[in-house]
């Protein structure tokens, strides 16, 4: 009986060993930092959308599947041809940074699967760029409203990706290329507009300076009129006497004859 017990024990151990050999790689899973997992139970409840496996060591039944997702921030660069409002073809180069929303991996996997970048990221970026570009002219996209165009692309792309469980961190328009003839025409137009603005600025500045001088001259003229009207003969005589008295206080030798000057003003006679 002991022999049979030992034999049964050895058989069970052998079976366990075989299971570990054949299924160990799928049973024992270690998720690294920056990874998340979503479990699929083919003989049970199916895809577990609500529970997300975090980094660490996990034991999974060999008949179940754990899909591992890289949730670190990723970047993709895309070059595409788009049409502006007038049907002119432009070449746009964009880059987008994103990562899956950590606790929504199950929902992302259910709709798009592991290849979600090709299934949702790239198509939506291309679609948003084309839709926004179609609302502006080449000149606006290339120069005058470039920031507005970029903001519209970012907002529209970010919203649609969030609805599909993707967190878009940034989207940049790296370059916009136009046919040489169109590009040169736009640049020349912008140059002429800048020159016109500079001329208008100088003209406005000079006009303002001329107005300032006119106002200043009018002020001086009014001041002189007021002074002239206020200078009577009696005031002039009084100012003359005051000035003579101040001069008389000087240490230099002199003789002051009061009433000998013109119209009775004091007269100063020096020794020189």
Foldseek 3Di string as FASTA:
>chain_A
DVVVVVVVVVVVVVVVVVCCVVQVVQFKDFADPQKKKWKAQPPPDGTDQQDIHHGGIGGDDSNMGIDMARFPKDKDKDWDWAAAQVRAIKIWIKMWIKGFQRRRVSLLCVPQNRVVCVVPVVVLLVVLLRVLRNHHDPLLCQPVPVVVSQVSSVVSSQVVVVVSRMHIDDMDTPDMDHPPVVVVVSVVVVVVVVVVVVVVVVVVVVVVVVVVVVVVVVVVVVVVVVVVVVDDPVNVLVVLQVVVVVVVPDPAAWDWDQQPDPPRRIDIGHPD
